[in-house]
Amino acid sequence: MRLDKFLKVSRLIKRRTVANEACDAGRVLINGRTAKASASVKAGDVIEIGFGTKAVKVEVLDVQETVKKDEAKELFRYL
Protein backbone atom coordinates (compact mmCIF):
# COMPACT_ATOMS: atom_id res chain seq x y z
CA MET A 1 0.00 0.00 0.00
CA ARG A 2 1.16 3.54 -0.67
CA LEU A 3 2.54 5.46 2.29
CA ASP A 4 0.14 8.42 1.97
CA LYS A 5 -2.88 6.08 1.85
CA PHE A 6 -1.65 4.10 4.88
CA LEU A 7 -1.22 7.29 6.92
CA LYS A 8 -4.82 8.26 6.10
CA VAL A 9 -6.36 4.80 6.67
CA SER A 10 -4.52 4.38 10.00
CA ARG A 11 -5.57 7.93 10.93
CA LEU A 12 -2.02 8.99 11.81
CA ILE A 13 -2.70 11.92 9.45
CA LYS A 14 -6.30 12.97 8.84
CA ARG A 15 -6.22 13.71 5.09
CA ARG A 16 -4.31 12.11 2.23
CA THR A 17 -3.33 15.49 0.77
CA VAL A 18 -1.75 16.47 4.09
CA ALA A 19 0.08 13.12 4.14
CA ASN A 20 1.31 13.84 0.62
CA GLU A 21 2.61 17.28 1.64
CA ALA A 22 4.38 15.84 4.71
CA CYS A 23 6.13 13.27 2.51
CA ASP A 24 7.14 15.91 -0.06
CA ALA A 25 8.61 18.06 2.73
CA GLY A 26 10.74 15.12 3.90
CA ARG A 27 9.07 14.83 7.32
CA VAL A 28 8.20 11.14 6.94
CA LEU A 29 10.77 8.35 7.30
CA ILE A 30 10.38 4.62 6.69
CA ASN A 31 13.00 2.50 8.43
CA GLY A 32 15.23 5.57 8.87
CA ARG A 33 15.07 6.72 5.24
CA THR A 34 13.17 9.70 3.84
CA ALA A 35 10.16 8.36 1.95
CA LYS A 36 8.04 9.63 -0.91
CA ALA A 37 4.24 9.42 -0.79
CA SER A 38 4.33 6.55 -3.29
CA ALA A 39 6.67 4.40 -1.15
CA SER A 40 5.36 0.93 -0.36
CA VAL A 41 4.42 0.13 3.26
CA LYS A 42 4.36 -3.42 4.62
CA ALA A 43 3.97 -5.02 8.05
CA GLY A 44 7.10 -4.63 10.17
CA ASP A 45 8.12 -1.23 8.77
CA VAL A 46 8.94 1.57 11.22
CA ILE A 47 7.45 4.94 10.24
CA GLU A 48 8.60 8.20 11.83
CA ILE A 49 6.60 11.39 11.25
CA GLY A 50 7.84 14.85 12.24
CA PHE A 51 5.11 17.17 13.54
CA GLY A 52 6.88 20.50 14.16
CA THR A 53 9.16 19.90 17.16
CA LYS A 54 7.56 16.53 18.04
CA ALA A 55 8.16 13.21 16.30
CA VAL A 56 5.87 10.18 16.27
CA LYS A 57 7.40 6.75 15.73
CA VAL A 58 5.20 3.73 14.98
CA GLU A 59 5.61 0.15 13.81
CA VAL A 60 3.24 -1.11 11.12
CA LEU A 61 1.40 -4.22 12.34
CA ASP A 62 -1.09 -4.70 9.52
CA VAL A 63 -1.95 -3.16 6.14
CA GLN A 64 -5.60 -2.96 5.07
CA GLU A 65 -7.37 -0.94 2.37
CA THR A 66 -10.21 0.21 4.63
CA VAL A 67 -10.92 -0.03 8.36
CA LYS A 68 -13.44 1.35 10.79
CA LYS A 69 -12.39 4.21 13.03
CA ASP A 70 -12.27 1.97 16.13
CA GLU A 71 -10.04 -0.60 14.40
CA ALA A 72 -7.56 1.91 12.92
CA LYS A 73 -5.45 1.78 16.10
CA GLU A 74 -4.78 -1.90 15.48
CA LEU A 75 -2.83 -1.17 12.26
CA PHE A 76 0.17 0.25 14.14
CA ARG A 77 1.96 0.30 17.51
CA TYR A 78 3.61 3.36 19.04
CA LEU A 79 7.33 3.01 19.80
PDB file of N, CA and C in Angstrom:
ATOM      1  N   MET A   1       0.850  -1.187   0.000  1.00  0.00           N
ATOM      2  CA  MET A   1       0.000   0.000   0.000  1.00  0.00           C
ATOM      3  C   MET A   1       0.888   1.240   0.000  1.00  0.00           C
ATOM      4  N   ARG A   2       0.420   2.276  -0.643  1.00  0.00           N
ATOM      5  CA  ARG A   2       1.157   3.541  -0.670  1.00  0.00           C
ATOM      6  C   ARG A   2       1.231   4.163   0.728  1.00  0.00           C
ATOM      7  N   LEU A   3       2.327   4.847   0.983  1.00  0.00           N
ATOM      8  CA  LEU A   3       2.540   5.462   2.290  1.00  0.00           C
ATOM      9  C   LEU A   3       1.461   6.489   2.623  1.00  0.00           C
ATOM     10  N   ASP A   4       1.136   7.375   1.678  1.00  0.00           N
ATOM     11  CA  ASP A   4       0.143   8.415   1.968  1.00  0.00           C
ATOM     12  C   ASP A   4      -1.228   7.805   2.282  1.00  0.00           C
ATOM     13  N   LYS A   5      -1.600   6.728   1.583  1.00  0.00           N
ATOM     14  CA  LYS A   5      -2.880   6.081   1.855  1.00  0.00           C
ATOM     15  C   LYS A   5      -2.861   5.382   3.218  1.00  0.00           C
ATOM     16  N   PHE A   6      -1.739   4.750   3.572  1.00  0.00           N
ATOM     17  CA  PHE A   6      -1.654   4.101   4.882  1.00  0.00           C
ATOM     18  C   PHE A   6      -1.790   5.113   6.009  1.00  0.00           C
ATOM     19  N   LEU A   7      -1.148   6.267   5.877  1.00  0.00           N
ATOM     20  CA  LEU A   7      -1.224   7.291   6.917  1.00  0.00           C
ATOM     21  C   LEU A   7      -2.657   7.769   7.108  1.00  0.00           C
ATOM     22  N   LYS A   8      -3.417   7.851   6.007  1.00  0.00           N
ATOM     23  CA  LYS A   8      -4.820   8.259   6.102  1.00  0.00           C
ATOM     24  C   LYS A   8      -5.682   7.146   6.692  1.00  0.00           C
ATOM     25  N   VAL A   9      -5.547   5.923   6.198  1.00  0.00           N
ATOM     26  CA  VAL A   9      -6.364   4.800   6.672  1.00  0.00           C
ATOM     27  C   VAL A   9      -6.114   4.533   8.155  1.00  0.00           C
ATOM     28  N   SER A  10      -4.847   4.639   8.590  1.00  0.00           N
ATOM     29  CA  SER A  10      -4.519   4.379   9.997  1.00  0.00           C
ATOM     30  C   SER A  10      -4.845   5.578  10.881  1.00  0.00           C
ATOM     31  N   ARG A  11      -5.213   6.689  10.241  1.00  0.00           N
ATOM     32  CA  ARG A  11      -5.567   7.931  10.930  1.00  0.00           C
ATOM     33  C   ARG A  11      -4.411   8.551  11.704  1.00  0.00           C
ATOM     34  N   LEU A  12      -3.176   8.278  11.259  1.00  0.00           N
ATOM     35  CA  LEU A  12      -2.021   8.987  11.815  1.00  0.00           C
ATOM     36  C   LEU A  12      -2.030  10.427  11.299  1.00  0.00           C
ATOM     37  N   ILE A  13      -2.487  10.597  10.045  1.00  0.00           N
ATOM     38  CA  ILE A  13      -2.704  11.916   9.454  1.00  0.00           C
ATOM     39  C   ILE A  13      -4.120  11.906   8.891  1.00  0.00           C
ATOM     40  N   LYS A  14      -4.865  12.970   9.141  1.00  0.00           N
ATOM     41  CA  LYS A  14      -6.301  12.973   8.835  1.00  0.00           C
ATOM     42  C   LYS A  14      -6.640  12.913   7.350  1.00  0.00           C
ATOM     43  N   ARG A  15      -5.882  13.655   6.516  1.00  0.00           N
ATOM     44  CA  ARG A  15      -6.216  13.713   5.094  1.00  0.00           C
ATOM     45  C   ARG A  15      -5.042  13.259   4.240  1.00  0.00           C
ATOM     46  N   ARG A  16      -5.352  12.637   3.117  1.00  0.00           N
ATOM     47  CA  ARG A  16      -4.311  12.112   2.231  1.00  0.00           C
ATOM     48  C   ARG A  16      -3.477  13.237   1.622  1.00  0.00           C
ATOM     49  N   THR A  17      -4.089  14.379   1.331  1.00  0.00           N
ATOM     50  CA  THR A  17      -3.329  15.488   0.765  1.00  0.00           C
ATOM     51  C   THR A  17      -2.306  16.012   1.771  1.00  0.00           C
ATOM     52  N   VAL A  18      -2.683  16.041   3.045  1.00  0.00           N
ATOM     53  CA  VAL A  18      -1.751  16.474   4.095  1.00  0.00           C
ATOM     54  C   VAL A  18      -0.622  15.456   4.220  1.00  0.00           C
ATOM     55  N   ALA A  19      -0.945  14.172   4.103  1.00  0.00           N
ATOM     56  CA  ALA A  19       0.079  13.121   4.144  1.00  0.00           C
ATOM     57  C   ALA A  19       1.039  13.279   2.972  1.00  0.00           C
ATOM     58  N   ASN A  20       0.489  13.605   1.803  1.00  0.00           N
ATOM     59  CA  ASN A  20       1.311  13.842   0.615  1.00  0.00           C
ATOM     60  C   ASN A  20       2.281  15.002   0.840  1.00  0.00           C
ATOM     61  N   GLU A  21       1.773  16.095   1.392  1.00  0.00           N
ATOM     62  CA  GLU A  21       2.606  17.276   1.636  1.00  0.00           C
ATOM     63  C   GLU A  21       3.696  16.981   2.659  1.00  0.00           C
ATOM     64  N   ALA A  22       3.387  16.213   3.694  1.00  0.00           N
ATOM     65  CA  ALA A  22       4.382  15.845   4.706  1.00  0.00           C
ATOM     66  C   ALA A  22       5.497  15.007   4.079  1.00  0.00           C
ATOM     67  N   CYS A  23       5.133  14.097   3.195  1.00  0.00           N
ATOM     68  CA  CYS A  23       6.128  13.267   2.510  1.00  0.00           C
ATOM     69  C   CYS A  23       7.006  14.119   1.592  1.00  0.00           C
ATOM     70  N   ASP A  24       6.384  15.032   0.844  1.00  0.00           N
ATOM     71  CA  ASP A  24       7.136  15.909  -0.061  1.00  0.00           C
ATOM     72  C   ASP A  24       8.112  16.800   0.695  1.00  0.00           C
ATOM     73  N   ALA A  25       7.755  17.197   1.923  1.00  0.00           N
ATOM     74  CA  ALA A  25       8.606  18.060   2.732  1.00  0.00           C
ATOM     75  C   ALA A  25       9.721  17.278   3.427  1.00  0.00           C
ATOM     76  N   GLY A  26       9.700  15.944   3.301  1.00  0.00           N
ATOM     77  CA  GLY A  26      10.739  15.119   3.905  1.00  0.00           C
ATOM     78  C   GLY A  26      10.559  14.876   5.391  1.00  0.00           C
ATOM     79  N   ARG A  27       9.330  15.009   5.882  1.00  0.00           N
ATOM     80  CA  ARG A  27       9.074  14.826   7.321  1.00  0.00           C
ATOM     81  C   ARG A  27       8.644  13.413   7.683  1.00  0.00           C
ATOM     82  N   VAL A  28       8.602  12.516   6.681  1.00  0.00           N
ATOM     83  CA  VAL A  28       8.197  11.137   6.943  1.00  0.00           C
ATOM     84  C   VAL A  28       9.341  10.197   6.576  1.00  0.00           C
ATOM     85  N   LEU A  29       9.703   9.325   7.522  1.00  0.00           N
ATOM     86  CA  LEU A  29      10.775   8.353   7.304  1.00  0.00           C
ATOM     87  C   LEU A  29      10.211   6.943   7.426  1.00  0.00           C
ATOM     88  N   ILE A  30      10.694   6.047   6.558  1.00  0.00           N
ATOM     89  CA  ILE A  30      10.376   4.623   6.688  1.00  0.00           C
ATOM     90  C   ILE A  30      11.696   3.912   6.928  1.00  0.00           C
ATOM     91  N   ASN A  31      11.793   3.224   8.058  1.00  0.00           N
ATOM     92  CA  ASN A  31      13.003   2.501   8.434  1.00  0.00           C
ATOM     93  C   ASN A  31      14.244   3.391   8.376  1.00  0.00           C
ATOM     94  N   GLY A  32      14.101   4.652   8.801  1.00  0.00           N
ATOM     95  CA  GLY A  32      15.229   5.571   8.872  1.00  0.00           C
ATOM     96  C   GLY A  32      15.564   6.296   7.587  1.00  0.00           C
ATOM     97  N   ARG A  33      14.816   6.062   6.526  1.00  0.00           N
ATOM     98  CA  ARG A  33      15.070   6.724   5.236  1.00  0.00           C
ATOM     99  C   ARG A  33      13.908   7.634   4.872  1.00  0.00           C
ATOM    100  N   THR A  34      14.213   8.791   4.312  1.00  0.00           N
ATOM    101  CA  THR A  34      13.174   9.702   3.841  1.00  0.00           C
ATOM    102  C   THR A  34      12.354   8.986   2.771  1.00  0.00           C
ATOM    103  N   ALA A  35      11.034   9.101   2.863  1.00  0.00           N
ATOM    104  CA  ALA A  35      10.162   8.359   1.952  1.00  0.00           C
ATOM    105  C   ALA A  35       9.255   9.289   1.171  1.00  0.00           C
ATOM    106  N   LYS A  36       9.013   8.918  -0.089  1.00  0.00           N
ATOM    107  CA  LYS A  36       8.042   9.628  -0.910  1.00  0.00           C
ATOM    108  C   LYS A  36       6.654   9.091  -0.606  1.00  0.00           C
ATOM    109  N   ALA A  37       5.632   9.827  -1.032  1.00  0.00           N
ATOM    110  CA  ALA A  37       4.240   9.420  -0.789  1.00  0.00           C
ATOM    111  C   ALA A  37       3.920   8.096  -1.468  1.00  0.00           C
ATOM    112  N   SER A  38       4.618   7.777  -2.543  1.00  0.00           N
ATOM    113  CA  SER A  38       4.331   6.553  -3.295  1.00  0.00           C
ATOM    114  C   SER A  38       5.090   5.342  -2.766  1.00  0.00           C
ATOM    115  N   ALA A  39       5.897   5.510  -1.708  1.00  0.00           N
ATOM    116  CA  ALA A  39       6.671   4.396  -1.154  1.00  0.00           C
ATOM    117  C   ALA A  39       5.735   3.303  -0.646  1.00  0.00           C
ATOM    118  N   SER A  40       6.175   2.063  -0.771  1.00  0.00           N
ATOM    119  CA  SER A  40       5.363   0.929  -0.355  1.00  0.00           C
ATOM    120  C   SER A  40       5.532   0.664   1.141  1.00  0.00           C
ATOM    121  N   VAL A  41       4.412   0.409   1.820  1.00  0.00           N
ATOM    122  CA  VAL A  41       4.419   0.127   3.257  1.00  0.00           C
ATOM    123  C   VAL A  41       3.980  -1.318   3.462  1.00  0.00           C
ATOM    124  N   LYS A  42       4.720  -2.043   4.301  1.00  0.00           N
ATOM    125  CA  LYS A  42       4.358  -3.418   4.623  1.00  0.00           C
ATOM    126  C   LYS A  42       4.479  -3.638   6.122  1.00  0.00           C
ATOM    127  N   ALA A  43       3.910  -4.713   6.622  1.00  0.00           N
ATOM    128  CA  ALA A  43       3.965  -5.022   8.053  1.00  0.00           C
ATOM    129  C   ALA A  43       5.418  -5.154   8.489  1.00  0.00           C
ATOM    130  N   GLY A  44       5.742  -4.583   9.647  1.00  0.00           N
ATOM    131  CA  GLY A  44       7.100  -4.632  10.170  1.00  0.00           C
ATOM    132  C   GLY A  44       7.896  -3.361   9.937  1.00  0.00           C
ATOM    133  N   ASP A  45       7.431  -2.501   9.025  1.00  0.00           N
ATOM    134  CA  ASP A  45       8.116  -1.230   8.773  1.00  0.00           C
ATOM    135  C   ASP A  45       7.970  -0.300   9.973  1.00  0.00           C
ATOM    136  N   VAL A  46       8.989   0.559  10.173  1.00  0.00           N
ATOM    137  CA  VAL A  46       8.936   1.572  11.221  1.00  0.00           C
ATOM    138  C   VAL A  46       8.796   2.930  10.531  1.00  0.00           C
ATOM    139  N   ILE A  47       7.715   3.640  10.848  1.00  0.00           N
ATOM    140  CA  ILE A  47       7.446   4.943  10.243  1.00  0.00           C
ATOM    141  C   ILE A  47       7.654   6.021  11.298  1.00  0.00           C
ATOM    142  N   GLU A  48       8.398   7.071  10.930  1.00  0.00           N
ATOM    143  CA  GLU A  48       8.601   8.205  11.826  1.00  0.00           C
ATOM    144  C   GLU A  48       8.082   9.461  11.134  1.00  0.00           C
ATOM    145  N   ILE A  49       7.209  10.192  11.819  1.00  0.00           N
ATOM    146  CA  ILE A  49       6.596  11.395  11.254  1.00  0.00           C
ATOM    147  C   ILE A  49       6.970  12.578  12.127  1.00  0.00           C
ATOM    148  N   GLY A  50       7.491  13.642  11.507  1.00  0.00           N
ATOM    149  CA  GLY A  50       7.843  14.851  12.235  1.00  0.00           C
ATOM    150  C   GLY A  50       6.698  15.845  12.207  1.00  0.00           C
ATOM    151  N   PHE A  51       6.166  16.166  13.392  1.00  0.00           N
ATOM    152  CA  PHE A  51       5.110  17.174  13.536  1.00  0.00           C
ATOM    153  C   PHE A  51       5.719  18.371  14.251  1.00  0.00           C
ATOM    154  N   GLY A  52       6.258  19.343  13.526  1.00  0.00           N
ATOM    155  CA  GLY A  52       6.884  20.504  14.164  1.00  0.00           C
ATOM    156  C   GLY A  52       8.084  20.079  14.976  1.00  0.00           C
ATOM    157  N   THR A  53       8.030  20.273  16.302  1.00  0.00           N
ATOM    158  CA  THR A  53       9.157  19.897  17.158  1.00  0.00           C
ATOM    159  C   THR A  53       9.001  18.480  17.705  1.00  0.00           C
ATOM    160  N   LYS A  54       7.840  17.864  17.506  1.00  0.00           N
ATOM    161  CA  LYS A  54       7.558  16.532  18.043  1.00  0.00           C
ATOM    162  C   LYS A  54       7.634  15.493  16.926  1.00  0.00           C
ATOM    163  N   ALA A  55       8.119  14.301  17.271  1.00  0.00           N
ATOM    164  CA  ALA A  55       8.161  13.210  16.296  1.00  0.00           C
ATOM    165  C   ALA A  55       7.361  12.028  16.822  1.00  0.00           C
ATOM    166  N   VAL A  56       6.654  11.369  15.918  1.00  0.00           N
ATOM    167  CA  VAL A  56       5.870  10.185  16.271  1.00  0.00           C
ATOM    168  C   VAL A  56       6.493   9.000  15.544  1.00  0.00           C
ATOM    169  N   LYS A  57       6.784   7.940  16.305  1.00  0.00           N
ATOM    170  CA  LYS A  57       7.400   6.753  15.727  1.00  0.00           C
ATOM    171  C   LYS A  57       6.471   5.564  15.961  1.00  0.00           C
ATOM    172  N   VAL A  58       6.109   4.868  14.877  1.00  0.00           N
ATOM    173  CA  VAL A  58       5.199   3.731  14.980  1.00  0.00           C
ATOM    174  C   VAL A  58       5.733   2.550  14.169  1.00  0.00           C
ATOM    175  N   GLU A  59       5.302   1.355  14.570  1.00  0.00           N
ATOM    176  CA  GLU A  59       5.611   0.147  13.814  1.00  0.00           C
ATOM    177  C   GLU A  59       4.334  -0.322  13.147  1.00  0.00           C
ATOM    178  N   VAL A  60       4.410  -0.647  11.869  1.00  0.00           N
ATOM    179  CA  VAL A  60       3.244  -1.111  11.117  1.00  0.00           C
ATOM    180  C   VAL A  60       2.983  -2.570  11.488  1.00  0.00           C
ATOM    181  N   LEU A  61       1.774  -2.856  11.972  1.00  0.00           N
ATOM    182  CA  LEU A  61       1.398  -4.220  12.342  1.00  0.00           C
ATOM    183  C   LEU A  61       0.599  -4.905  11.247  1.00  0.00           C
ATOM    184  N   ASP A  62      -0.213  -4.137  10.536  1.00  0.00           N
ATOM    185  CA  ASP A  62      -1.088  -4.705   9.516  1.00  0.00           C
ATOM    186  C   ASP A  62      -1.367  -3.644   8.466  1.00  0.00           C
ATOM    187  N   VAL A  63      -1.617  -4.083   7.237  1.00  0.00           N
ATOM    188  CA  VAL A  63      -1.946  -3.160   6.142  1.00  0.00           C
ATOM    189  C   VAL A  63      -3.284  -3.583   5.565  1.00  0.00           C
ATOM    190  N   GLN A  64      -4.282  -2.687   5.621  1.00  0.00           N
ATOM    191  CA  GLN A  64      -5.604  -2.958   5.069  1.00  0.00           C
ATOM    192  C   GLN A  64      -6.067  -1.749   4.271  1.00  0.00           C
ATOM    193  N   GLU A  65      -6.884  -2.013   3.239  1.00  0.00           N
ATOM    194  CA  GLU A  65      -7.371  -0.937   2.374  1.00  0.00           C
ATOM    195  C   GLU A  65      -8.344  -0.016   3.106  1.00  0.00           C
ATOM    196  N   THR A  66      -9.242  -0.597   3.878  1.00  0.00           N
ATOM    197  CA  THR A  66     -10.211   0.208   4.630  1.00  0.00           C
ATOM    198  C   THR A  66     -10.413  -0.414   6.005  1.00  0.00           C
ATOM    199  N   VAL A  67     -10.606   0.439   7.004  1.00  0.00           N
ATOM    200  CA  VAL A  67     -10.921  -0.033   8.358  1.00  0.00           C
ATOM    201  C   VAL A  67     -11.879   0.949   9.007  1.00  0.00           C
ATOM    202  N   LYS A  68     -12.585   0.474  10.017  1.00  0.00           N
ATOM    203  CA  LYS A  68     -13.445   1.352  10.788  1.00  0.00           C
ATOM    204  C   LYS A  68     -12.587   2.188  11.722  1.00  0.00           C
ATOM    205  N   LYS A  69     -13.129   3.281  12.177  1.00  0.00           N
ATOM    206  CA  LYS A  69     -12.392   4.205  13.032  1.00  0.00           C
ATOM    207  C   LYS A  69     -11.858   3.515  14.291  1.00  0.00           C
ATOM    208  N   ASP A  70     -12.665   2.661  14.894  1.00  0.00           N
ATOM    209  CA  ASP A  70     -12.270   1.974  16.126  1.00  0.00           C
ATOM    210  C   ASP A  70     -11.093   1.024  15.888  1.00  0.00           C
ATOM    211  N   GLU A  71     -11.051   0.411  14.707  1.00  0.00           N
ATOM    212  CA  GLU A  71     -10.036  -0.599  14.405  1.00  0.00           C
ATOM    213  C   GLU A  71      -8.756  -0.006  13.822  1.00  0.00           C
ATOM    214  N   ALA A  72      -8.734   1.282  13.530  1.00  0.00           N
ATOM    215  CA  ALA A  72      -7.563   1.908  12.915  1.00  0.00           C
ATOM    216  C   ALA A  72      -6.343   1.831  13.830  1.00  0.00           C
ATOM    217  N   LYS A  73      -6.567   1.847  15.141  1.00  0.00           N
ATOM    218  CA  LYS A  73      -5.450   1.783  16.103  1.00  0.00           C
ATOM    219  C   LYS A  73      -4.718   0.455  16.056  1.00  0.00           C
ATOM    220  N   GLU A  74      -5.374  -0.560  15.529  1.00  0.00           N
ATOM    221  CA  GLU A  74      -4.780  -1.899  15.479  1.00  0.00           C
ATOM    222  C   GLU A  74      -3.823  -2.075  14.299  1.00  0.00           C
ATOM    223  N   LEU A  75      -3.725  -1.077  13.411  1.00  0.00           N
ATOM    224  CA  LEU A  75      -2.832  -1.172  12.263  1.00  0.00           C
ATOM    225  C   LEU A  75      -1.391  -0.831  12.627  1.00  0.00           C
ATOM    226  N   PHE A  76      -1.189  -0.153  13.773  1.00  0.00           N
ATOM    227  CA  PHE A  76       0.168   0.252  14.139  1.00  0.00           C
ATOM    228  C   PHE A  76       0.341   0.204  15.652  1.00  0.00           C
ATOM    229  N   ARG A  77       1.619   0.289  16.084  1.00  0.00           N
ATOM    230  CA  ARG A  77       1.957   0.301  17.510  1.00  0.00           C
ATOM    231  C   ARG A  77       2.964   1.413  17.735  1.00  0.00           C
ATOM    232  N   TYR A  78       2.696   2.276  18.727  1.00  0.00           N
ATOM    233  CA  TYR A  78       3.614   3.362  19.044  1.00  0.00           C
ATOM    234  C   TYR A  78       4.907   2.809  19.636  1.00  0.00           C
ATOM    235  N   LEU A  79       6.023   3.419  19.246  1.00  0.00           N
ATOM    236  CA  LEU A  79       7.328   3.013  19.801  1.00  0.00           C
ATOM    237  C   LEU A  79       7.873   4.078  20.715  1.00  0.00           C
TER     238      LEU A  79
END
